[in-house]
C-alpha atoms as a PDB file:
ATOM      1  CA  MET A   1      72.747 131.950 159.298  1.00  0.00           C
ATOM      2  CA  ILE A   2      69.989 133.777 157.439  1.00  0.00           C
ATOM      3  CA  ARG A   3      66.926 131.631 156.763  1.00  0.00           C
ATOM      4  CA  ILE A   4      65.369 132.392 153.376  1.00  0.00           C
ATOM      5  CA  GLU A   5      61.678 131.943 152.592  1.00  0.00           C
ATOM      6  CA  ILE A   6      60.459 132.367 149.017  1.00  0.00           C
ATOM      7  CA  CYS A   7      56.892 133.543 148.502  1.00  0.00           C
ATOM      8  CA  THR A   8      55.586 131.360 145.669  1.00  0.00           C
ATOM      9  CA  SER A   9      52.343 131.665 143.736  1.00  0.00           C
ATOM     10  CA  ASN A  10      52.341 128.454 141.692  1.00  0.00           C
ATOM     11  CA  TYR A  11      53.783 124.959 141.311  1.00  0.00           C
ATOM     12  CA  LYS A  12      56.789 125.990 139.212  1.00  0.00           C
ATOM     13  CA  SER A  13      57.766 128.674 141.700  1.00  0.00           C
ATOM     14  CA  VAL A  14      57.911 126.144 144.542  1.00  0.00           C
ATOM     15  CA  CYS A  15      60.159 123.930 142.412  1.00  0.00           C
ATOM     16  CA  ASN A  16      62.399 126.909 141.680  1.00  0.00           C
ATOM     17  CA  ALA A  17      62.537 127.840 145.362  1.00  0.00           C
ATOM     18  CA  GLN A  18      63.799 124.442 146.442  1.00  0.00           C
ATOM     19  CA  ASP A  19      66.111 124.017 143.433  1.00  0.00           C
ATOM     20  CA  GLY A  20      67.522 127.483 144.101  1.00  0.00           C
ATOM     21  CA  GLY A  21      68.522 126.643 147.656  1.00  0.00           C
ATOM     22  CA  ALA A  22      65.796 128.373 149.672  1.00  0.00           C
ATOM     23  CA  ASP A  23      65.219 127.074 153.182  1.00  0.00           C
ATOM     24  CA  CYS A  24      61.437 127.142 152.961  1.00  0.00           C
ATOM     25  CA  ALA A  25      58.522 128.571 150.997  1.00  0.00           C
ATOM     26  CA  GLU A  26      55.117 130.123 151.372  1.00  0.00           C
ATOM     27  CA  LEU A  27      52.557 128.965 148.807  1.00  0.00           C
ATOM     28  CA  CYS A  28      49.700 131.199 147.736  1.00  0.00           C
ATOM     29  CA  SER A  29      47.999 132.335 144.541  1.00  0.00           C
ATOM     30  CA  ALA A  30      47.165 135.765 143.076  1.00  0.00           C
ATOM     31  CA  LEU A  31      50.139 137.686 144.410  1.00  0.00           C
ATOM     32  CA  GLU A  32      48.861 140.748 142.558  1.00  0.00           C
ATOM     33  CA  VAL A  33      46.177 141.122 145.264  1.00  0.00           C
ATOM     34  CA  GLY A  34      48.472 140.214 148.142  1.00  0.00           C
ATOM     35  CA  GLY A  35      47.833 136.480 147.875  1.00  0.00           C
ATOM     36  CA  ILE A  36      44.870 134.178 148.487  1.00  0.00           C
ATOM     37  CA  THR A  37      44.568 130.466 149.228  1.00  0.00           C
ATOM     38  CA  PRO A  38      45.688 128.213 146.337  1.00  0.00           C
ATOM     39  CA  SER A  39      43.336 125.677 144.791  1.00  0.00           C
ATOM     40  CA  TYR A  40      43.231 122.135 146.129  1.00  0.00           C
ATOM     41  CA  GLY A  41      44.713 120.883 142.857  1.00  0.00           C
ATOM     42  CA  VAL A  42      47.779 123.094 143.247  1.00  0.00           C
ATOM     43  CA  LEU A  43      48.150 122.075 146.892  1.00  0.00           C
ATOM     44  CA  ALA A  44      47.956 118.379 146.046  1.00  0.00           C
ATOM     45  CA  GLU A  45      50.509 118.595 143.232  1.00  0.00           C
ATOM     46  CA  VAL A  46      52.984 120.639 145.267  1.00  0.00           C
ATOM     47  CA  ALA A  47      52.632 118.184 148.156  1.00  0.00           C
ATOM     48  CA  HIS A  48      53.970 115.438 145.875  1.00  0.00           C
ATOM     49  CA  VAL A  49      57.205 117.276 145.064  1.00  0.00           C
ATOM     50  CA  MET A  50      58.050 119.517 148.030  1.00  0.00           C
ATOM     51  CA  ARG A  51      61.428 118.801 149.606  1.00  0.00           C
ATOM     52  CA  ILE A  52      61.585 121.892 151.780  1.00  0.00           C
ATOM     53  CA  PRO A  53      59.105 123.050 154.433  1.00  0.00           C
ATOM     54  CA  VAL A  54      56.151 124.822 152.822  1.00  0.00           C
ATOM     55  CA  ARG A  55      53.464 126.848 154.564  1.00  0.00           C
ATOM     56  CA  VAL A  56      50.207 127.657 152.801  1.00  0.00           C
ATOM     57  CA  LEU A  57      48.513 131.042 152.856  1.00  0.00           C
ATOM     58  CA  ILE A  58      44.979 130.853 154.214  1.00  0.00           C
ATOM     59  CA  ARG A  59      43.067 133.876 152.950  1.00  0.00           C
ATOM     60  CA  PRO A  60      39.642 133.478 151.321  1.00  0.00           C
ATOM     61  CA  ARG A  61      39.604 136.771 149.416  1.00  0.00           C
ATOM     62  CA  SER A  62      41.455 139.979 148.716  1.00  0.00           C
ATOM     63  CA  GLY A  63      40.687 143.189 150.587  1.00  0.00           C
ATOM     64  CA  ASN A  64      40.799 143.772 154.316  1.00  0.00           C
ATOM     65  CA  TYR A  65      41.532 141.252 157.064  1.00  0.00           C
ATOM     66  CA  ILE A  66      38.218 141.550 158.924  1.00  0.00           C
ATOM     67  CA  TYR A  67      36.291 138.294 158.514  1.00  0.00           C
ATOM     68  CA  ASP A  68      32.786 137.205 159.460  1.00  0.00           C
ATOM     69  CA  ASP A  69      31.993 133.842 161.034  1.00  0.00           C
ATOM     70  CA  ARG A  70      31.322 132.175 157.674  1.00  0.00           C
ATOM     71  CA  GLU A  71      34.701 133.263 156.319  1.00  0.00           C
ATOM     72  CA  VAL A  72      36.468 132.018 159.435  1.00  0.00           C
ATOM     73  CA  GLU A  73      34.771 128.646 158.980  1.00  0.00           C
ATOM     74  CA  MET A  74      35.955 128.561 155.357  1.00  0.00           C
ATOM     75  CA  MET A  75      39.517 129.207 156.476  1.00  0.00           C
ATOM     76  CA  CYS A  76      39.316 126.500 159.127  1.00  0.00           C
ATOM     77  CA  ARG A  77      38.173 123.990 156.493  1.00  0.00           C
ATOM     78  CA  ASP A  78      41.047 124.981 154.229  1.00  0.00           C
ATOM     79  CA  ILE A  79      43.493 124.521 157.099  1.00  0.00           C
ATOM     80  CA  GLU A  80      42.188 121.013 157.751  1.00  0.00           C
ATOM     81  CA  LYS A  81      42.733 120.093 154.079  1.00  0.00           C
ATOM     82  CA  VAL A  82      46.254 121.540 154.120  1.00  0.00           C
ATOM     83  CA  ALA A  83      47.089 119.522 157.226  1.00  0.00           C
ATOM     84  CA  MET A  84      45.865 116.322 155.569  1.00  0.00           C
ATOM     85  CA  LEU A  85      48.236 116.930 152.643  1.00  0.00           C
ATOM     86  CA  GLY A  86      51.266 117.006 154.932  1.00  0.00           C
ATOM     87  CA  TYR A  87      52.286 120.652 154.830  1.00  0.00           C
ATOM     88  CA  GLU A  88      54.434 122.018 157.649  1.00  0.00           C
ATOM     89  CA  GLY A  89      52.106 124.859 158.464  1.00  0.00           C
ATOM     90  CA  VAL A  90      49.880 127.698 157.386  1.00  0.00           C
ATOM     91  CA  VAL A  91      50.058 131.471 157.109  1.00  0.00           C
ATOM     92  CA  ILE A  92      47.043 133.150 158.688  1.00  0.00           C
ATOM     93  CA  GLY A  93      45.808 136.482 159.980  1.00  0.00           C
ATOM     94  CA  ALA A  94      42.658 138.294 161.065  1.00  0.00           C
ATOM     95  CA  LEU A  95      41.785 141.662 162.582  1.00  0.00           C
ATOM     96  CA  ASN A  96      38.660 142.915 164.346  1.00  0.00           C
ATOM     97  CA  ASP A  97      36.702 146.094 163.666  1.00  0.00           C
ATOM     98  CA  GLU A  98      38.992 148.083 165.962  1.00  0.00           C
ATOM     99  CA  GLY A  99      42.108 147.064 164.063  1.00  0.00           C
ATOM    100  CA  ASP A 100      43.391 144.699 166.733  1.00  0.00           C
ATOM    101  CA  ILE A 101      44.213 141.002 166.362  1.00  0.00           C
ATOM    102  CA  ASP A 102      40.977 139.002 166.147  1.00  0.00           C
ATOM    103  CA  VAL A 103      41.978 136.562 168.857  1.00  0.00           C
ATOM    104  CA  LYS A 104      38.789 134.502 168.596  1.00  0.00           C
ATOM    105  CA  ALA A 105      39.203 133.922 164.855  1.00  0.00           C
ATOM    106  CA  VAL A 106      42.913 133.223 165.191  1.00  0.00           C
ATOM    107  CA  LYS A 107      42.358 130.663 167.949  1.00  0.00           C
ATOM    108  CA  SER A 108      39.726 128.905 165.832  1.00  0.00           C
ATOM    109  CA  MET A 109      42.178 128.604 162.954  1.00  0.00           C
ATOM    110  CA  MET A 110      44.957 127.375 165.235  1.00  0.00           C
ATOM    111  CA  ARG A 111      42.647 124.695 166.630  1.00  0.00           C
ATOM    112  CA  ALA A 112      41.814 123.591 163.081  1.00  0.00           C
ATOM    113  CA  GLY A 113      45.532 123.156 162.398  1.00  0.00           C
ATOM    114  CA  LYS A 114      46.532 121.639 165.710  1.00  0.00           C
ATOM    115  CA  GLY A 115      50.072 120.274 165.460  1.00  0.00           C
ATOM    116  CA  MET A 116      51.020 122.540 162.553  1.00  0.00           C
ATOM    117  CA  LYS A 117      53.255 125.614 162.624  1.00  0.00           C
ATOM    118  CA  PHE A 118      51.785 129.082 162.183  1.00  0.00           C
ATOM    119  CA  THR A 119      52.969 132.278 160.536  1.00  0.00           C
ATOM    120  CA  PHE A 120      50.956 135.481 160.994  1.00  0.00           C
ATOM    121  CA  HIS A 121      50.911 137.432 157.732  1.00  0.00           C
ATOM    122  CA  ARG A 122      51.081 141.133 156.965  1.00  0.00           C
ATOM    123  CA  ALA A 123      47.686 141.809 158.477  1.00  0.00           C
ATOM    124  CA  VAL A 124      49.910 142.769 161.409  1.00  0.00           C
ATOM    125  CA  ASP A 125      51.058 145.776 159.371  1.00  0.00           C
ATOM    126  CA  ALA A 126      47.439 146.917 159.082  1.00  0.00           C
ATOM    127  CA  SER A 127      46.786 146.583 162.815  1.00  0.00           C
ATOM    128  CA  ARG A 128      46.170 149.562 165.098  1.00  0.00           C
ATOM    129  CA  ASP A 129      49.296 149.036 167.245  1.00  0.00           C
ATOM    130  CA  ILE A 130      51.970 146.847 165.676  1.00  0.00           C
ATOM    131  CA  PHE A 131      53.943 146.462 168.910  1.00  0.00           C
ATOM    132  CA  GLU A 132      50.921 145.341 170.922  1.00  0.00           C
ATOM    133  CA  SER A 133      49.984 142.991 168.072  1.00  0.00           C
ATOM    134  CA  PHE A 134      53.416 141.349 168.186  1.00  0.00           C
ATOM    135  CA  ARG A 135      53.093 140.865 171.937  1.00  0.00           C
ATOM    136  CA  GLN A 136      49.760 139.104 171.432  1.00  0.00           C
ATOM    137  CA  LEU A 137      51.050 136.940 168.596  1.00  0.00           C
ATOM    138  CA  ALA A 138      54.007 135.752 170.654  1.00  0.00           C
ATOM    139  CA  GLU A 139      51.621 134.782 173.456  1.00  0.00           C
ATOM    140  CA  LEU A 140      49.282 132.986 171.037  1.00  0.00           C
ATOM    141  CA  GLY A 141      52.093 130.683 169.912  1.00  0.00           C
ATOM    142  CA  PHE A 142      53.059 131.921 166.458  1.00  0.00           C
ATOM    143  CA  ASP A 143      56.625 130.992 165.596  1.00  0.00           C
ATOM    144  CA  LYS A 144      56.945 133.470 162.681  1.00  0.00           C
ATOM    145  CA  VAL A 145      55.437 136.846 161.856  1.00  0.00           C
ATOM    146  CA  LEU A 146      55.761 138.383 158.396  1.00  0.00           C
ATOM    147  CA  THR A 147      56.033 142.173 158.480  1.00  0.00           C
ATOM    148  CA  SER A 148      57.065 145.260 156.573  1.00  0.00           C
ATOM    149  CA  GLY A 149      57.202 147.234 159.793  1.00  0.00           C
ATOM    150  CA  GLY A 150      53.816 148.801 159.143  1.00  0.00           C
ATOM    151  CA  CYS A 151      55.104 150.440 155.948  1.00  0.00           C
ATOM    152  CA  PRO A 152      54.443 149.814 152.241  1.00  0.00           C
ATOM    153  CA  ASP A 153      57.614 147.721 152.050  1.00  0.00           C
ATOM    154  CA  ALA A 154      60.216 146.298 154.414  1.00  0.00           C
ATOM    155  CA  PRO A 155      63.101 148.634 153.486  1.00  0.00           C
ATOM    156  CA  ARG A 156      60.978 151.642 154.484  1.00  0.00           C
ATOM    157  CA  GLY A 157      59.951 149.876 157.679  1.00  0.00           C
ATOM    158  CA  ALA A 158      63.485 148.846 158.661  1.00  0.00           C
ATOM    159  CA  SER A 159      63.652 150.972 161.812  1.00  0.00           C
ATOM    160  CA  VAL A 160      60.364 149.545 163.116  1.00  0.00           C
ATOM    161  CA  ILE A 161      61.449 145.999 162.237  1.00  0.00           C
ATOM    162  CA  ALA A 162      64.693 146.564 164.140  1.00  0.00           C
ATOM    163  CA  GLU A 163      62.734 147.667 167.211  1.00  0.00           C
ATOM    164  CA  LEU A 164      60.393 144.674 166.898  1.00  0.00           C
ATOM    165  CA  GLN A 165      63.420 142.392 166.731  1.00  0.00           C
ATOM    166  CA  LYS A 166      64.853 144.038 169.841  1.00  0.00           C
ATOM    167  CA  ARG A 167      61.620 143.642 171.822  1.00  0.00           C
ATOM    168  CA  TYR A 168      60.285 140.304 170.591  1.00  0.00           C
ATOM    169  CA  GLY A 169      63.019 138.552 168.613  1.00  0.00           C
ATOM    170  CA  ASP A 170      63.685 136.103 171.432  1.00  0.00           C
ATOM    171  CA  ARG A 171      60.018 135.013 171.442  1.00  0.00           C
ATOM    172  CA  VAL A 172      59.037 134.857 167.772  1.00  0.00           C
ATOM    173  CA  LYS A 173      60.886 134.864 164.440  1.00  0.00           C
ATOM    174  CA  ILE A 174      60.451 138.273 162.880  1.00  0.00           C
ATOM    175  CA  MET A 175      60.530 137.900 159.105  1.00  0.00           C
ATOM    176  CA  PRO A 176      60.736 141.041 156.960  1.00  0.00           C
ATOM    177  CA  GLY A 177      58.774 140.848 153.728  1.00  0.00           C
ATOM    178  CA  GLY A 178      57.610 143.198 151.010  1.00  0.00           C
ATOM    179  CA  GLY A 179      59.842 144.814 148.415  1.00  0.00           C
ATOM    180  CA  ILE A 180      62.938 142.777 149.292  1.00  0.00           C
ATOM    181  CA  ASN A 181      65.319 141.983 146.452  1.00  0.00           C
ATOM    182  CA  ILE A 182      68.971 141.366 145.668  1.00  0.00           C
ATOM    183  CA  SER A 183      69.836 145.059 145.727  1.00  0.00           C
ATOM    184  CA  ASN A 184      68.496 145.820 149.214  1.00  0.00           C
ATOM    185  CA  VAL A 185      68.525 142.607 151.243  1.00  0.00           C
ATOM    186  CA  GLU A 186      72.035 143.031 152.636  1.00  0.00           C
ATOM    187  CA  SER A 187      71.432 146.519 154.002  1.00  0.00           C
ATOM    188  CA  LEU A 188      68.022 145.495 155.355  1.00  0.00           C
ATOM    189  CA  LEU A 189      69.361 142.486 157.235  1.00  0.00           C
ATOM    190  CA  ARG A 190      72.210 144.509 158.728  1.00  0.00           C
ATOM    191  CA  ALA A 191      69.850 147.305 159.766  1.00  0.00           C
ATOM    192  CA  THR A 192      67.286 145.037 161.429  1.00  0.00           C
ATOM    193  CA  GLY A 193      69.339 142.221 162.947  1.00  0.00           C
ATOM    194  CA  VAL A 194      66.820 139.563 161.924  1.00  0.00           C
ATOM    195  CA  SER A 195      67.744 136.027 160.887  1.00  0.00           C
ATOM    196  CA  ASP A 196      64.803 135.353 158.535  1.00  0.00           C
ATOM    197  CA  CYS A 197      63.700 137.072 155.336  1.00  0.00           C
ATOM    198  CA  HIS A 198      60.912 136.626 152.788  1.00  0.00           C
ATOM    199  CA  ALA A 199      60.990 137.509 149.087  1.00  0.00           C
ATOM    200  CA  SER A 200      59.117 136.529 145.926  1.00  0.00           C
ATOM    201  CA  LEU A 201      61.911 137.280 143.390  1.00  0.00           C
ATOM    202  CA  THR A 202      59.558 137.029 140.436  1.00  0.00           C
ATOM    203  CA  GLU A 203      59.921 137.528 136.708  1.00  0.00           C
ATOM    204  CA  ASN A 204      57.152 137.953 134.162  1.00  0.00           C
ATOM    205  CA  VAL A 205      56.456 134.824 132.134  1.00  0.00           C
ATOM    206  CA  THR A 206      55.600 135.660 128.543  1.00  0.00           C
ATOM    207  CA  CYS A 207      55.239 132.130 127.218  1.00  0.00           C
ATOM    208  CA  PHE A 208      52.244 132.740 124.975  1.00  0.00           C
ATOM    209  CA  HIS A 209      51.612 132.412 121.251  1.00  0.00           C
ATOM    210  CA  LYS A 210      52.744 135.661 119.653  1.00  0.00           C
ATOM    211  CA  SER A 211      50.426 135.066 116.710  1.00  0.00           C
ATOM    212  CA  LEU A 212      47.433 134.891 119.045  1.00  0.00           C
ATOM    213  CA  TYR A 213      48.453 137.609 121.506  1.00  0.00           C
ATOM    214  CA  PRO A 214      50.946 139.946 119.800  1.00  0.00           C
ATOM    215  CA  ASP A 215      50.396 142.615 122.464  1.00  0.00           C
ATOM    216  CA  GLY A 216      50.395 140.216 125.406  1.00  0.00           C
ATOM    217  CA  VAL A 217      46.648 140.564 125.985  1.00  0.00           C
ATOM    218  CA  ASP A 218      43.596 138.750 124.680  1.00  0.00           C
ATOM    219  CA  ALA A 219      40.563 140.250 122.940  1.00  0.00           C
ATOM    220  CA  THR A 220      39.074 141.334 126.272  1.00  0.00           C
ATOM    221  CA  GLY A 221      42.229 143.140 127.330  1.00  0.00           C
ATOM    222  CA  ALA A 222      43.160 140.515 129.922  1.00  0.00           C
ATOM    223  CA  SER A 223      46.897 140.016 130.364  1.00  0.00           C
ATOM    224  CA  MET A 224      48.401 136.785 129.083  1.00  0.00           C
ATOM    225  CA  VAL A 225      51.484 137.335 131.279  1.00  0.00           C
ATOM    226  CA  TRP A 226      51.994 135.811 134.723  1.00  0.00           C
ATOM    227  CA  LYS A 227      54.732 135.803 137.343  1.00  0.00           C
ATOM    228  CA  GLU A 228      57.004 133.048 138.613  1.00  0.00           C
ATOM    229  CA  SER A 229      59.727 133.094 141.230  1.00  0.00           C
ATOM    230  CA  ASP A 230      62.851 133.080 139.088  1.00  0.00           C
ATOM    231  CA  LEU A 231      65.425 130.313 139.617  1.00  0.00           C
ATOM    232  CA  ASN A 232      68.460 132.456 138.816  1.00  0.00           C
ATOM    233  CA  LYS A 233      67.287 135.293 141.050  1.00  0.00           C
ATOM    234  CA  ILE A 234      66.739 132.841 143.889  1.00  0.00           C
ATOM    235  CA  LYS A 235      70.215 131.352 143.490  1.00  0.00           C
ATOM    236  CA  MET A 236      71.822 134.812 143.526  1.00  0.00           C
ATOM    237  CA  PHE A 237      69.738 135.875 146.526  1.00  0.00           C
ATOM    238  CA  VAL A 238      70.642 132.734 148.476  1.00  0.00           C
ATOM    239  CA  GLN A 239      74.329 133.078 147.622  1.00  0.00           C
ATOM    240  CA  LEU A 240      74.353 136.679 148.821  1.00  0.00           C
ATOM    241  CA  CYS A 241      72.529 135.938 152.080  1.00  0.00           C
ATOM    242  CA  ARG A 242      74.792 132.986 152.881  1.00  0.00           C
ATOM    243  CA  LYS A 243      77.753 135.375 153.000  1.00  0.00           C
ATOM    244  CA  LEU A 244      76.189 137.558 155.692  1.00  0.00           C
END
């Protein structure tokens, strides 16, 4: 059976993921920059209502995945807080200056979350050698790795994902993510042979006062629109995947 993870960026999206039948969720914020760690307030509120396993993205900023010692310490502190709130696990990643897995940083984060489960995020797609990176991650003890096969999105990386599944699928769950939707998930899953997939399935939320923001922006030009994982999209996605 295909295991479905919904990438959620707020409280309502987590609720929609579990109400829509998803198996699990990743919780982050600011999906428009690839996701960063949610606020403590969001984490605490979601912890009260989650009925499915949720893993929290640990990423202190946007940009690259090369972190200094201070940033690694920040991530370790965030992991400790997430563990205290009862989350299943965290989603982490770090690279060194050569583009390889930053084993020292990763081990520090795994120690901070001892007893939790760990997903390595799409930093793996930015690594120098994706196949060597997967070998290292399997040895480090990750149970899931999120990947687009080193491409801008998972459908374009399907052939690489299929080869990763062939080489490492018996050691770590390989979870395609990036650009997956109702129209392409079936062909992607058949092409790769994986049993896990990751999608955000968002819709724009335009719940603002038309009289205040007739053009959907405020006086500074900032958008008054945000994204939520859509309940109906999730239900359709789950129904489709359950047939495969």
